[in-house]
Amino acid sequence: MGWANCGTDSKGRPIGYGFPATCDHPDCKTKIDRGLSYACGDMHGDLDLACEGYFCTAHLKHTLPVDGDDKQVCEACYKAAKKYATENPEDAHDLVAWFEDQEGEDWRVQT
């Protein structure tokens, strides 16, 4: 069994690299597929810090640390993680440390 057909996502869209698609970023028409290499968070809807979107490489350009690995995420999910870490530093101490390491002491989102 391969990963060409992985079922459907919560939006009812077929997922897997066997399904041609278009980047989910608004106004982007880049042709992709719904395989893991284009999935926000590197897995089909299986990451708290990622959406169920599929994006071209131009729009899947941020990384976040998850269980010791860096996962590719879209800009909206990156910003949401940054906001969460800003507002919940006690619950997101690993994420806070990662943002400080990546962006310096002034990484926090102004809320």
Protein backbone atom coordinates (compact mmCIF):
# COMPACT_ATOMS: atom_id res chain seq x y z
CA MET A 1 0.00 0.00 0.00
CA GLY A 2 1.30 3.43 -0.92
CA TRP A 3 0.44 6.96 0.08
CA ALA A 4 -1.19 7.93 -3.22
CA ASN A 5 -4.66 7.66 -1.67
CA CYS A 6 -4.92 8.48 2.05
CA GLY A 7 -8.69 9.01 2.22
CA THR A 8 -10.24 12.43 2.68
CA ASP A 9 -9.61 15.41 4.93
CA SER A 10 -12.22 17.08 7.14
CA LYS A 11 -13.26 19.21 4.15
CA GLY A 12 -14.05 16.07 2.13
CA ARG A 13 -11.12 16.54 -0.24
CA PRO A 14 -9.18 13.45 -1.35
CA ILE A 15 -5.65 13.42 0.09
CA GLY A 16 -2.45 11.71 -1.00
CA TYR A 17 0.16 12.37 -3.67
CA GLY A 18 -2.08 10.80 -6.30
CA PHE A 19 -4.48 13.75 -6.22
CA PRO A 20 -3.61 16.86 -8.24
CA ALA A 21 -4.48 20.11 -6.49
CA THR A 22 -3.82 23.82 -6.38
CA CYS A 23 -2.00 25.60 -3.55
CA ASP A 24 -4.45 26.56 -0.78
CA HIS A 25 -2.93 30.04 -0.36
CA PRO A 26 -5.44 32.68 -1.53
CA ASP A 27 -4.80 33.83 -5.10
CA CYS A 28 -2.09 31.20 -5.73
CA LYS A 29 -2.68 28.94 -8.70
CA THR A 30 0.46 26.79 -8.42
CA LYS A 31 -0.18 23.14 -9.24
CA ILE A 32 0.69 20.70 -6.44
CA ASP A 33 -0.70 17.44 -5.11
CA ARG A 34 -2.17 16.62 -1.71
CA GLY A 35 0.78 14.50 -0.62
CA LEU A 36 2.76 14.92 2.59
CA SER A 37 5.42 17.11 0.98
CA TYR A 38 2.80 19.84 0.49
CA ALA A 39 0.87 19.31 3.75
CA CYS A 40 1.07 22.03 6.38
CA GLY A 41 2.74 20.32 9.34
CA ASP A 42 4.10 17.43 7.23
CA MET A 43 1.11 15.18 8.00
CA HIS A 44 -2.51 15.16 6.93
CA GLY A 45 -4.35 17.07 9.70
CA ASP A 46 -2.34 15.39 12.47
CA LEU A 47 -0.63 18.35 14.14
CA ASP A 48 -2.05 20.82 16.66
CA LEU A 49 0.09 23.64 15.27
CA ALA A 50 -0.95 23.16 11.63
CA CYS A 51 -4.04 23.50 9.49
CA GLU A 52 -5.21 20.95 6.95
CA GLY A 53 -3.95 23.04 4.06
CA TYR A 54 -1.71 22.03 1.17
CA PHE A 55 0.70 24.65 -0.12
CA CYS A 56 3.34 25.16 -2.79
CA THR A 57 6.94 25.67 -1.64
CA ALA A 58 6.56 29.45 -1.83
CA HIS A 59 3.77 29.34 0.77
CA LEU A 60 5.03 26.47 2.95
CA LYS A 61 8.21 28.23 3.99
CA HIS A 62 8.13 28.40 7.78
CA THR A 63 9.20 25.75 10.27
CA LEU A 64 8.08 24.96 13.81
CA PRO A 65 9.57 22.46 16.26
CA VAL A 66 7.37 19.45 17.00
CA ASP A 67 8.58 16.50 19.07
CA GLY A 68 12.21 17.20 18.23
CA ASP A 69 11.65 17.67 14.49
CA ASP A 70 11.14 20.80 12.44
CA LYS A 71 7.83 20.74 10.56
CA GLN A 72 6.97 22.93 7.58
CA VAL A 73 3.93 25.14 8.12
CA CYS A 74 2.13 27.90 6.26
CA GLU A 75 2.41 31.55 7.28
CA ALA A 76 -0.97 31.61 9.05
CA CYS A 77 -0.04 28.64 11.25
CA TYR A 78 3.39 30.11 12.00
CA LYS A 79 1.76 33.37 13.12
CA ALA A 80 -0.83 31.48 15.17
CA ALA A 81 1.91 29.50 16.95
CA LYS A 82 3.80 32.71 17.66
CA LYS A 83 0.67 34.31 19.08
CA TYR A 84 -0.06 31.23 21.21
CA ALA A 85 3.50 31.21 22.59
CA THR A 86 3.27 34.95 23.34
CA GLU A 87 -0.02 34.60 25.21
CA ASN A 88 0.77 31.26 26.95
CA PRO A 89 4.50 31.19 27.74
CA GLU A 90 4.05 28.79 30.68
CA ASP A 91 2.32 26.20 28.48
CA ALA A 92 4.57 26.70 25.47
CA HIS A 93 8.04 26.98 27.02
CA ASP A 94 9.71 24.82 24.31
CA LEU A 95 8.12 26.94 21.60
CA VAL A 96 9.12 30.15 23.41
CA ALA A 97 12.74 28.94 23.62
CA TRP A 98 12.68 28.01 19.93
CA PHE A 99 11.37 31.44 18.86
CA GLU A 100 14.00 33.15 21.04
CA ASP A 101 16.71 31.02 19.44
CA GLN A 102 15.44 31.71 15.91
CA GLU A 103 14.48 35.38 16.17
CA GLY A 104 16.14 36.78 19.29
CA GLU A 105 14.68 38.20 22.48
CA ASP A 106 12.24 40.53 20.67
CA TRP A 107 10.31 37.74 18.89
CA ARG A 108 7.01 38.18 20.72
CA VAL A 109 3.86 39.25 18.96
CA GLN A 110 2.47 42.55 20.18
CA THR A 111 -0.98 41.75 21.56
